[in-house]
Amino acid sequence: GGYSGKNCGAFTGGLCLLSMYVGR
């Protein structure tokens, strides 16, 4: 997240990808 060292970007990106298919 903006090179803050927090939640892995691959993980949050995966959440975004999955949300594209399951969200509204």
PDB file of all heavy atoms in Angstrom:
ATOM      1  N   GLY A   1       0.828  -1.208   0.000  1.00  0.00           N
ATOM      2  CA  GLY A   1       0.000   0.000   0.000  1.00  0.00           C
ATOM      3  C   GLY A   1       0.853   1.244   0.000  1.00  0.00           C
ATOM      4  O   GLY A   1       1.218   1.761   1.054  1.00  0.00           O
ATOM      5  N   GLY A   2       1.204   1.696  -1.177  1.00  0.00           N
ATOM      6  CA  GLY A   2       2.023   2.905  -1.297  1.00  0.00           C
ATOM      7  C   GLY A   2       3.391   2.738  -0.663  1.00  0.00           C
ATOM      8  O   GLY A   2       3.956   3.675  -0.121  1.00  0.00           O
ATOM      9  N   TYR A   3       3.934   1.557  -0.744  1.00  0.00           N
ATOM     10  CA  TYR A   3       5.254   1.227  -0.197  1.00  0.00           C
ATOM     11  C   TYR A   3       5.347   1.483   1.301  1.00  0.00           C
ATOM     12  O   TYR A   3       6.391   1.827   1.825  1.00  0.00           O
ATOM     13  CB  TYR A   3       6.354   1.947  -0.971  1.00  0.00           C
ATOM     14  CG  TYR A   3       6.385   1.490  -2.408  1.00  0.00           C
ATOM     15  CD1 TYR A   3       5.722   2.218  -3.397  1.00  0.00           C
ATOM     16  CD2 TYR A   3       7.013   0.314  -2.771  1.00  0.00           C
ATOM     17  CE1 TYR A   3       5.704   1.775  -4.714  1.00  0.00           C
ATOM     18  CE2 TYR A   3       7.010  -0.135  -4.077  1.00  0.00           C
ATOM     19  CZ  TYR A   3       6.359   0.601  -5.043  1.00  0.00           C
ATOM     20  OH  TYR A   3       6.343   0.158  -6.339  1.00  0.00           O
ATOM     21  N   SER A   4       4.221   1.270   1.989  1.00  0.00           N
ATOM     22  CA  SER A   4       4.186   1.449   3.445  1.00  0.00           C
ATOM     23  C   SER A   4       4.634   0.193   4.186  1.00  0.00           C
ATOM     24  O   SER A   4       4.850   0.236   5.393  1.00  0.00           O
ATOM     25  CB  SER A   4       2.767   1.809   3.888  1.00  0.00           C
ATOM     26  OG  SER A   4       1.891   0.704   3.674  1.00  0.00           O
ATOM     27  N   GLY A   5       4.733  -0.929   3.470  1.00  0.00           N
ATOM     28  CA  GLY A   5       5.129  -2.180   4.089  1.00  0.00           C
ATOM     29  C   GLY A   5       3.993  -2.922   4.757  1.00  0.00           C
ATOM     30  O   GLY A   5       4.193  -3.929   5.409  1.00  0.00           O
ATOM     31  N   LYS A   6       2.771  -2.431   4.560  1.00  0.00           N
ATOM     32  CA  LYS A   6       1.614  -3.064   5.215  1.00  0.00           C
ATOM     33  C   LYS A   6       1.077  -4.209   4.362  1.00  0.00           C
ATOM     34  O   LYS A   6       1.849  -4.893   3.731  1.00  0.00           O
ATOM     35  CB  LYS A   6       0.570  -2.005   5.524  1.00  0.00           C
ATOM     36  CG  LYS A   6       1.149  -0.986   6.504  1.00  0.00           C
ATOM     37  CD  LYS A   6       0.155  -0.075   7.089  1.00  0.00           C
ATOM     38  CE  LYS A   6       0.922   0.705   8.152  1.00  0.00           C
ATOM     39  NZ  LYS A   6       0.494   1.940   8.472  1.00  0.00           N
ATOM     40  N   ASN A   7      -0.233  -4.453   4.345  1.00  0.00           N
ATOM     41  CA  ASN A   7      -0.803  -5.619   3.653  1.00  0.00           C
ATOM     42  C   ASN A   7      -0.223  -5.805   2.258  1.00  0.00           C
ATOM     43  O   ASN A   7      -0.171  -4.874   1.470  1.00  0.00           O
ATOM     44  CB  ASN A   7      -2.318  -5.503   3.537  1.00  0.00           C
ATOM     45  CG  ASN A   7      -3.041  -5.841   4.814  1.00  0.00           C
ATOM     46  OD1 ASN A   7      -2.478  -6.454   5.708  1.00  0.00           O
ATOM     47  ND2 ASN A   7      -4.286  -5.453   4.909  1.00  0.00           N
ATOM     48  N   CYS A   8       0.153  -7.033   1.977  1.00  0.00           N
ATOM     49  CA  CYS A   8       0.746  -7.411   0.697  1.00  0.00           C
ATOM     50  C   CYS A   8      -0.136  -6.948  -0.461  1.00  0.00           C
ATOM     51  O   CYS A   8      -1.345  -7.175  -0.475  1.00  0.00           O
ATOM     52  CB  CYS A   8       0.918  -8.923   0.670  1.00  0.00           C
ATOM     53  SG  CYS A   8       1.416  -9.596  -0.919  1.00  0.00           S
ATOM     54  N   GLY A   9       0.475  -6.317  -1.457  1.00  0.00           N
ATOM     55  CA  GLY A   9      -0.251  -5.838  -2.618  1.00  0.00           C
ATOM     56  C   GLY A   9      -0.807  -6.951  -3.479  1.00  0.00           C
ATOM     57  O   GLY A   9      -1.844  -6.791  -4.116  1.00  0.00           O
ATOM     58  N   ALA A  10      -0.139  -8.113  -3.508  1.00  0.00           N
ATOM     59  CA  ALA A  10      -0.678  -9.251  -4.251  1.00  0.00           C
ATOM     60  C   ALA A  10      -1.992  -9.699  -3.615  1.00  0.00           C
ATOM     61  O   ALA A  10      -2.959 -10.009  -4.310  1.00  0.00           O
ATOM     62  CB  ALA A  10       0.324 -10.401  -4.276  1.00  0.00           C
ATOM     63  N   PHE A  11      -2.020  -9.703  -2.289  1.00  0.00           N
ATOM     64  CA  PHE A  11      -3.221 -10.082  -1.550  1.00  0.00           C
ATOM     65  C   PHE A  11      -4.346  -9.075  -1.772  1.00  0.00           C
ATOM     66  O   PHE A  11      -5.460  -9.447  -2.149  1.00  0.00           O
ATOM     67  CB  PHE A  11      -2.890 -10.208  -0.065  1.00  0.00           C
ATOM     68  CG  PHE A  11      -4.088 -10.353   0.826  1.00  0.00           C
ATOM     69  CD1 PHE A  11      -4.936 -11.434   0.702  1.00  0.00           C
ATOM     70  CD2 PHE A  11      -4.349  -9.418   1.796  1.00  0.00           C
ATOM     71  CE1 PHE A  11      -6.035 -11.580   1.537  1.00  0.00           C
ATOM     72  CE2 PHE A  11      -5.435  -9.545   2.634  1.00  0.00           C
ATOM     73  CZ  PHE A  11      -6.287 -10.628   2.508  1.00  0.00           C
ATOM     74  N   THR A  12      -4.076  -7.797  -1.562  1.00  0.00           N
ATOM     75  CA  THR A  12      -5.134  -6.797  -1.737  1.00  0.00           C
ATOM     76  C   THR A  12      -5.569  -6.711  -3.193  1.00  0.00           C
ATOM     77  O   THR A  12      -6.741  -6.497  -3.482  1.00  0.00           O
ATOM     78  CB  THR A  12      -4.706  -5.425  -1.194  1.00  0.00           C
ATOM     79  OG1 THR A  12      -3.445  -5.039  -1.762  1.00  0.00           O
ATOM     80  CG2 THR A  12      -4.571  -5.443   0.321  1.00  0.00           C
ATOM     81  N   GLY A  13      -4.640  -6.929  -4.119  1.00  0.00           N
ATOM     82  CA  GLY A  13      -5.003  -6.987  -5.531  1.00  0.00           C
ATOM     83  C   GLY A  13      -5.923  -8.153  -5.818  1.00  0.00           C
ATOM     84  O   GLY A  13      -6.871  -8.043  -6.591  1.00  0.00           O
ATOM     85  N   GLY A  14      -5.650  -9.295  -5.182  1.00  0.00           N
ATOM     86  CA  GLY A  14      -6.515 -10.464  -5.327  1.00  0.00           C
ATOM     87  C   GLY A  14      -7.910 -10.199  -4.795  1.00  0.00           C
ATOM     88  O   GLY A  14      -8.908 -10.617  -5.384  1.00  0.00           O
ATOM     89  N   LEU A  15      -7.986  -9.483  -3.669  1.00  0.00           N
ATOM     90  CA  LEU A  15      -9.296  -9.104  -3.128  1.00  0.00           C
ATOM     91  C   LEU A  15     -10.039  -8.199  -4.101  1.00  0.00           C
ATOM     92  O   LEU A  15     -11.250  -8.358  -4.300  1.00  0.00           O
ATOM     93  CB  LEU A  15      -9.138  -8.403  -1.777  1.00  0.00           C
ATOM     94  CG  LEU A  15      -8.679  -9.269  -0.615  1.00  0.00           C
ATOM     95  CD1 LEU A  15      -8.377  -8.409   0.599  1.00  0.00           C
ATOM     96  CD2 LEU A  15      -9.716 -10.327  -0.281  1.00  0.00           C
ATOM     97  N   CYS A  16      -9.324  -7.277  -4.713  1.00  0.00           N
ATOM     98  CA  CYS A  16      -9.951  -6.383  -5.701  1.00  0.00           C
ATOM     99  C   CYS A  16     -10.449  -7.180  -6.905  1.00  0.00           C
ATOM    100  O   CYS A  16     -11.567  -6.969  -7.375  1.00  0.00           O
ATOM    101  CB  CYS A  16      -8.959  -5.318  -6.156  1.00  0.00           C
ATOM    102  SG  CYS A  16      -8.530  -4.093  -4.907  1.00  0.00           S
ATOM    103  N   LEU A  17      -9.624  -8.098  -7.395  1.00  0.00           N
ATOM    104  CA  LEU A  17     -10.012  -8.920  -8.542  1.00  0.00           C
ATOM    105  C   LEU A  17     -11.243  -9.749  -8.220  1.00  0.00           C
ATOM    106  O   LEU A  17     -12.207  -9.768  -8.996  1.00  0.00           O
ATOM    107  CB  LEU A  17      -8.847  -9.822  -8.954  1.00  0.00           C
ATOM    108  CG  LEU A  17      -9.113 -10.795 -10.100  1.00  0.00           C
ATOM    109  CD1 LEU A  17      -9.493 -10.055 -11.377  1.00  0.00           C
ATOM    110  CD2 LEU A  17      -7.892 -11.676 -10.315  1.00  0.00           C
ATOM    111  N   LEU A  18     -11.224 -10.402  -7.092  1.00  0.00           N
ATOM    112  CA  LEU A  18     -12.369 -11.217  -6.698  1.00  0.00           C
ATOM    113  C   LEU A  18     -13.614 -10.353  -6.533  1.00  0.00           C
ATOM    114  O   LEU A  18     -14.706 -10.722  -6.969  1.00  0.00           O
ATOM    115  CB  LEU A  18     -12.051 -11.967  -5.405  1.00  0.00           C
ATOM    116  CG  LEU A  18     -13.045 -13.005  -4.934  1.00  0.00           C
ATOM    117  CD1 LEU A  18     -13.344 -14.038  -6.014  1.00  0.00           C
ATOM    118  CD2 LEU A  18     -12.520 -13.688  -3.681  1.00  0.00           C
ATOM    119  N   SER A  19     -13.462  -9.188  -5.958  1.00  0.00           N
ATOM    120  CA  SER A  19     -14.602  -8.283  -5.752  1.00  0.00           C
ATOM    121  C   SER A  19     -15.209  -7.803  -7.058  1.00  0.00           C
ATOM    122  O   SER A  19     -16.406  -7.520  -7.120  1.00  0.00           O
ATOM    123  CB  SER A  19     -14.168  -7.080  -4.915  1.00  0.00           C
ATOM    124  OG  SER A  19     -13.829  -7.494  -3.615  1.00  0.00           O
ATOM    125  N   MET A  20     -14.396  -7.726  -8.109  1.00  0.00           N
ATOM    126  CA  MET A  20     -14.941  -7.344  -9.418  1.00  0.00           C
ATOM    127  C   MET A  20     -15.978  -8.347  -9.896  1.00  0.00           C
ATOM    128  O   MET A  20     -16.898  -7.999 -10.619  1.00  0.00           O
ATOM    129  CB  MET A  20     -13.820  -7.264 -10.464  1.00  0.00           C
ATOM    130  CG  MET A  20     -12.969  -6.037 -10.360  1.00  0.00           C
ATOM    131  SD  MET A  20     -11.615  -6.026 -11.573  1.00  0.00           S
ATOM    132  CE  MET A  20     -12.439  -6.454 -13.095  1.00  0.00           C
ATOM    133  N   TYR A  21     -15.836  -9.595  -9.492  1.00  0.00           N
ATOM    134  CA  TYR A  21     -16.726 -10.649  -9.944  1.00  0.00           C
ATOM    135  C   TYR A  21     -17.870 -10.926  -8.993  1.00  0.00           C
ATOM    136  O   TYR A  21     -18.883 -11.460  -9.408  1.00  0.00           O
ATOM    137  CB  TYR A  21     -15.927 -11.933 -10.209  1.00  0.00           C
ATOM    138  CG  TYR A  21     -15.076 -11.792 -11.431  1.00  0.00           C
ATOM    139  CD1 TYR A  21     -13.807 -11.229 -11.358  1.00  0.00           C
ATOM    140  CD2 TYR A  21     -15.556 -12.174 -12.677  1.00  0.00           C
ATOM    141  CE1 TYR A  21     -13.031 -11.064 -12.488  1.00  0.00           C
ATOM    142  CE2 TYR A  21     -14.794 -12.010 -13.814  1.00  0.00           C
ATOM    143  CZ  TYR A  21     -13.533 -11.449 -13.710  1.00  0.00           C
ATOM    144  OH  TYR A  21     -12.783 -11.281 -14.833  1.00  0.00           O
ATOM    145  N   VAL A  22     -17.709 -10.604  -7.717  1.00  0.00           N
ATOM    146  CA  VAL A  22     -18.757 -10.960  -6.754  1.00  0.00           C
ATOM    147  C   VAL A  22     -19.518  -9.755  -6.222  1.00  0.00           C
ATOM    148  O   VAL A  22     -20.571  -9.911  -5.620  1.00  0.00           O
ATOM    149  CB  VAL A  22     -18.198 -11.784  -5.567  1.00  0.00           C
ATOM    150  CG1 VAL A  22     -17.536 -13.050  -6.074  1.00  0.00           C
ATOM    151  CG2 VAL A  22     -17.254 -10.989  -4.698  1.00  0.00           C
ATOM    152  N   GLY A  23     -19.000  -8.560  -6.440  1.00  0.00           N
ATOM    153  CA  GLY A  23     -19.664  -7.364  -5.937  1.00  0.00           C
ATOM    154  C   GLY A  23     -20.652  -6.798  -6.940  1.00  0.00           C
ATOM    155  O   GLY A  23     -20.892  -7.365  -8.005  1.00  0.00           O
ATOM    156  N   ARG A  24     -21.219  -5.691  -6.571  1.00  0.00           N
ATOM    157  CA  ARG A  24     -22.165  -5.004  -7.454  1.00  0.00           C
ATOM    158  C   ARG A  24     -21.434  -3.908  -8.215  1.00  0.00           C
ATOM    159  O   ARG A  24     -20.632  -3.184  -7.659  1.00  0.00           O
ATOM    160  CB  ARG A  24     -23.275  -4.355  -6.640  1.00  0.00           C
ATOM    161  CG  ARG A  24     -24.118  -5.343  -5.912  1.00  0.00           C
ATOM    162  CD  ARG A  24     -25.218  -4.772  -5.075  1.00  0.00           C
ATOM    163  NE  ARG A  24     -25.161  -3.357  -4.839  1.00  0.00           N
ATOM    164  CZ  ARG A  24     -26.120  -2.672  -4.254  1.00  0.00           C
ATOM    165  NH1 ARG A  24     -27.200  -3.281  -3.854  1.00  0.00           N
ATOM    166  NH2 ARG A  24     -26.010  -1.390  -4.051  1.00  0.00           N
TER     167      ARG A  24
END
